[in-house]
Protein backbone atom coordinates (compact mmCIF):
# COMPACT_ATOMS: atom_id res chain seq x y z
CA UNK A 1 30.96 120.29 -91.95
CA UNK A 2 28.05 122.60 -92.71
CA UNK A 3 24.57 121.66 -91.69
CA UNK A 4 22.95 124.79 -93.04
CA UNK A 5 19.63 123.74 -94.55
CA UNK A 6 20.09 126.33 -97.33
CA UNK A 7 22.78 124.13 -98.82
CA UNK A 8 20.89 120.83 -98.56
CA UNK A 9 19.18 119.55 -101.68
CA UNK A 10 15.62 118.36 -101.31
CA UNK A 11 14.63 114.74 -101.54
CA UNK A 12 12.25 113.86 -104.40
CA UNK A 13 8.83 115.43 -103.89
CA UNK A 14 7.10 112.08 -104.40
CA UNK A 15 8.28 111.14 -100.90
CA UNK A 16 6.35 114.03 -99.36
CA UNK A 17 2.96 113.29 -100.91
CA UNK A 18 0.41 111.43 -98.83
CA UNK A 19 -0.65 108.13 -100.35
CA UNK A 20 -4.21 107.04 -100.88
CA UNK A 21 -5.27 103.71 -99.35
CA UNK A 22 -6.99 102.84 -102.64
CA UNK A 23 -3.93 103.66 -104.75
CA UNK A 24 -2.28 100.51 -106.05
CA UNK A 25 1.41 100.21 -105.19
CA UNK A 26 2.65 99.10 -108.56
CA UNK A 27 6.41 99.44 -108.33
CA UNK A 28 8.38 97.35 -105.88
CA UNK A 29 11.78 96.79 -107.50
CA UNK A 30 14.90 98.90 -107.31
CA UNK A 31 17.17 97.19 -109.79
CA UNK A 32 17.12 93.51 -108.91
CA UNK A 33 15.95 94.11 -105.34
CA UNK A 34 12.29 93.83 -104.37
CA UNK A 35 10.99 95.88 -101.46
CA UNK A 36 9.19 93.95 -98.72
CA UNK A 37 5.83 95.11 -97.36
CA UNK A 38 6.87 93.97 -93.87
CA UNK A 39 10.07 95.99 -94.06
CA UNK A 40 8.06 98.94 -95.35
CA UNK A 41 5.75 98.72 -92.32
CA UNK A 42 8.71 98.64 -89.92
CA UNK A 43 10.30 101.58 -91.70
CA UNK A 44 7.08 103.60 -91.48
CA UNK A 45 6.81 102.87 -87.76
CA UNK A 46 10.31 104.25 -87.20
CA UNK A 47 9.57 107.20 -89.46
CA UNK A 48 6.48 108.02 -87.40
CA UNK A 49 8.47 107.86 -84.16
CA UNK A 50 10.93 110.42 -85.54
CA UNK A 51 8.42 112.74 -87.20
CA UNK A 52 4.78 112.19 -86.34
CA UNK A 53 3.67 114.63 -89.04
CA UNK A 54 5.21 112.56 -91.83
CA UNK A 55 2.70 110.53 -93.84
CA UNK A 56 3.62 106.84 -94.21
CA UNK A 57 5.32 105.85 -97.43
CA UNK A 58 4.47 103.02 -99.77
CA UNK A 59 6.80 100.92 -101.90
CA UNK A 60 5.80 102.71 -105.09
CA UNK A 61 6.85 106.10 -103.71
CA UNK A 62 10.26 104.84 -102.59
CA UNK A 63 10.92 103.05 -105.87
CA UNK A 64 9.79 106.05 -107.93
CA UNK A 65 12.11 108.33 -105.93
CA UNK A 66 15.02 105.88 -106.25
CA UNK A 67 14.62 105.59 -110.01
CA UNK A 68 14.37 109.37 -110.45
CA UNK A 69 17.55 109.92 -108.44
CA UNK A 70 19.43 107.16 -110.26
CA UNK A 71 18.41 108.55 -113.66
CA UNK A 72 19.56 112.06 -112.69
CA UNK A 73 22.95 110.94 -111.31
CA UNK A 74 26.05 109.43 -112.86
CA UNK A 75 26.15 105.63 -112.91
CA UNK A 76 28.58 105.42 -109.98
CA UNK A 77 27.75 108.58 -108.06
CA UNK A 78 25.62 109.01 -104.96
CA UNK A 79 22.97 111.73 -105.45
CA UNK A 80 23.80 114.94 -103.58
CA UNK A 81 20.60 114.86 -101.51
CA UNK A 82 21.62 111.46 -100.11
CA UNK A 83 25.30 112.32 -99.68
CA UNK A 84 24.53 115.52 -97.79
CA UNK A 85 22.27 113.72 -95.33
CA UNK A 86 24.90 111.06 -94.74
CA UNK A 87 27.25 113.90 -93.83
CA UNK A 88 24.64 115.03 -91.31
CA UNK A 89 24.65 111.51 -89.90
CA UNK A 90 28.42 111.81 -89.55
CA UNK A 91 27.86 114.91 -87.41
CA UNK A 92 25.45 112.92 -85.23
CA UNK A 93 28.02 110.16 -84.81
CA UNK A 94 30.70 112.64 -83.76
CA UNK A 95 28.34 114.40 -81.37
CA UNK A 96 27.29 111.23 -79.52
CA UNK A 97 30.85 109.89 -79.42
CA UNK A 98 32.45 113.08 -78.07
CA UNK A 99 33.07 112.57 -74.35
CA UNK A 100 33.36 116.29 -73.79
CA UNK A 101 29.85 117.04 -75.01
CA UNK A 102 26.65 116.23 -73.14
CA UNK A 103 23.83 116.20 -75.72
CA UNK A 104 20.48 117.65 -74.71
CA UNK A 105 18.14 114.91 -73.53
CA UNK A 106 15.61 115.57 -76.29
CA UNK A 107 18.26 114.99 -78.97
CA UNK A 108 19.66 111.70 -77.68
CA UNK A 109 16.72 109.46 -78.55
CA UNK A 110 16.19 110.53 -82.20
CA UNK A 111 19.94 110.64 -82.86
CA UNK A 112 20.40 107.15 -81.41
CA UNK A 113 17.42 105.82 -83.38
CA UNK A 114 18.79 107.16 -86.66
CA UNK A 115 22.31 105.85 -86.07
CA UNK A 116 20.96 102.52 -84.85
CA UNK A 117 19.08 102.10 -88.11
CA UNK A 118 22.05 103.14 -90.23
CA UNK A 119 24.28 100.63 -88.47
CA UNK A 120 21.74 97.81 -88.41
CA UNK A 121 21.06 94.90 -90.72
CA UNK A 122 17.28 95.31 -91.21
CA UNK A 123 17.26 98.24 -93.60
CA UNK A 124 14.53 98.88 -96.13
CA UNK A 125 17.02 99.20 -98.99
CA UNK A 126 20.36 97.35 -98.89
CA UNK A 127 23.40 99.62 -99.04
CA UNK A 128 24.95 97.62 -101.88
CA UNK A 129 22.47 98.94 -104.43
CA UNK A 130 24.37 101.44 -106.62
CA UNK A 131 23.57 105.14 -106.26
CA UNK A 132 20.43 104.83 -104.11
CA UNK A 133 21.24 102.08 -101.61
CA UNK A 134 21.16 104.65 -98.80
CA UNK A 135 18.01 106.48 -99.85
CA UNK A 136 16.16 105.01 -96.87
CA UNK A 137 18.92 106.33 -94.57
CA UNK A 138 18.52 109.78 -96.11
CA UNK A 139 14.74 109.69 -95.62
CA UNK A 140 15.10 108.92 -91.91
CA UNK A 141 17.78 111.57 -91.38
CA UNK A 142 15.58 114.11 -93.17
CA UNK A 143 12.62 113.21 -90.94
CA UNK A 144 14.61 113.48 -87.72
CA UNK A 145 16.65 116.56 -88.60
CA UNK A 146 14.19 119.22 -87.36
CA UNK A 147 14.59 117.69 -83.88
CA UNK A 148 18.38 117.54 -84.17
CA UNK A 149 19.57 120.55 -86.17
CA UNK A 150 19.81 123.01 -83.27
CA UNK A 151 21.74 120.54 -81.12
CA UNK A 152 24.17 119.71 -83.92
CA UNK A 153 24.80 123.42 -84.55
CA UNK A 154 25.46 123.88 -80.83
CA UNK A 155 27.89 120.95 -80.89
CA UNK A 156 29.72 122.36 -83.90
CA UNK A 157 30.07 125.71 -82.10
CA UNK A 158 31.34 123.80 -79.06
CA UNK A 159 34.03 122.22 -81.26
CA UNK A 160 34.99 125.65 -82.63
CA UNK A 161 35.35 127.24 -79.19
CA UNK A 162 37.15 124.20 -77.82
CA UNK A 163 39.69 124.58 -80.61
CA UNK A 164 40.08 128.28 -79.74
CA UNK A 165 40.69 127.37 -76.10
CA UNK A 166 43.23 124.74 -77.14
CA UNK A 167 45.14 127.33 -79.14
CA UNK A 168 45.06 129.77 -76.22
CA UNK A 169 46.39 127.05 -73.90
CA UNK A 170 48.81 125.84 -76.60
CA UNK A 171 47.58 122.32 -75.92
CA UNK A 172 45.79 119.51 -77.72
CA UNK A 173 42.04 119.51 -77.14
CA UNK A 174 42.36 116.23 -75.23
CA UNK A 175 44.85 117.74 -72.76
CA UNK A 176 42.41 119.94 -70.84
CA UNK A 177 38.80 119.86 -69.70
CA UNK A 178 36.22 121.58 -71.86
CA UNK A 179 32.60 120.48 -71.55
CA UNK A 180 29.17 121.86 -72.30
CA UNK A 181 29.22 124.16 -69.27
CA UNK A 182 32.61 125.55 -70.31
CA UNK A 183 31.25 126.09 -73.82
CA UNK A 184 28.27 128.03 -72.46
CA UNK A 185 30.61 130.27 -70.44
CA UNK A 186 32.92 130.79 -73.42
CA UNK A 187 29.96 131.59 -75.64
CA UNK A 188 28.69 134.24 -73.22
CA UNK A 189 32.18 135.76 -72.99
CA UNK A 190 32.46 135.83 -76.76
CA UNK A 191 29.03 137.44 -77.09
CA UNK A 192 30.08 140.08 -74.52
CA UNK A 193 33.26 140.81 -76.46
CA UNK A 194 31.32 141.19 -79.71
CA UNK A 195 28.88 143.58 -78.03
CA UNK A 196 31.80 145.63 -76.63
CA UNK A 197 33.41 145.79 -80.08
CA UNK A 198 30.09 146.89 -81.58
CA UNK A 199 29.80 149.74 -79.07
CA UNK A 200 33.38 150.83 -79.76
CA UNK A 201 32.71 150.93 -83.49
CA UNK A 202 29.71 153.17 -82.87
CA UNK A 203 31.54 155.53 -80.53
CA UNK A 204 35.07 156.76 -79.91
CA UNK A 205 37.67 156.86 -77.15
CA UNK A 206 38.90 160.25 -78.47
CA UNK A 207 37.54 163.11 -76.33
CA UNK A 208 35.24 165.62 -77.94
CA UNK A 209 37.10 168.46 -79.68
CA UNK A 210 37.20 171.60 -77.55
CA UNK A 211 35.60 174.75 -78.88
CA UNK A 212 37.74 177.54 -80.35
CA UNK A 213 38.93 180.23 -77.93
CA UNK A 214 40.54 183.66 -78.24
CA UNK A 215 43.36 185.25 -76.26
CA UNK A 216 42.55 188.85 -75.27
C-alpha cells in the first residue's frame, strides 16, 4: 500500500488549532455517545508522548471534527482521511509482525503505542459509532506518522526487494533468509546497477568513428 503523504487527505483543521483555557467546551456528544473528560485527558497524554508539538485537544474540537466528517460522507462510509490512516496502521502491524525485518529502535516505541491503543478497550471514541468511530485512531496515527514514515517506507522497500530475491531464487519468501542486512546489501547493489545504467545511457560502447583517409 502507498504511504505517500501526497495522497493522504488532511484531518479537519479544527483538530490542529490550539484551544484556549477560557474557551467553553460546549459539544460533547457524537451521536448518542458522550465524550468523557477523563478519557480526553488520557488521550491527550498519549498524543503528547507521540508528538510533543501537538496542542492538547478538547471534547468540542473532536466532536466538531466528527460531525463535519460525518456530514461530508455517505451514511455508511468511513471518511477517506480516517480510512487512509487505518491503512497506515495496517502497514505498522505488518512491519512489527514480520520476523525478517528488524525495525529501527526509534520506531518501535511509537508504533507499539499506536497499535496498543488501536487494539485496546479504553479508546476515546468507541469503534461502533458509524462513520467516525475510528477518528481518535486516525488522530493518533497522524500524530505519530512523522516518526514512523521513513521506517515504513524502508520496510515496504524491503518487501519489494525480498520479493525480487524470491523470484530470482524461484522460491517462496519464507524459504530463504532475507533480513534487514540483506536488504541493505541488495539496495546498494541495485543503486550501483542504476548508476551503471545511467552512465551507459550517457555514453556509448561503440568506439569513436575514425577520421577519413586517402590512398595515394
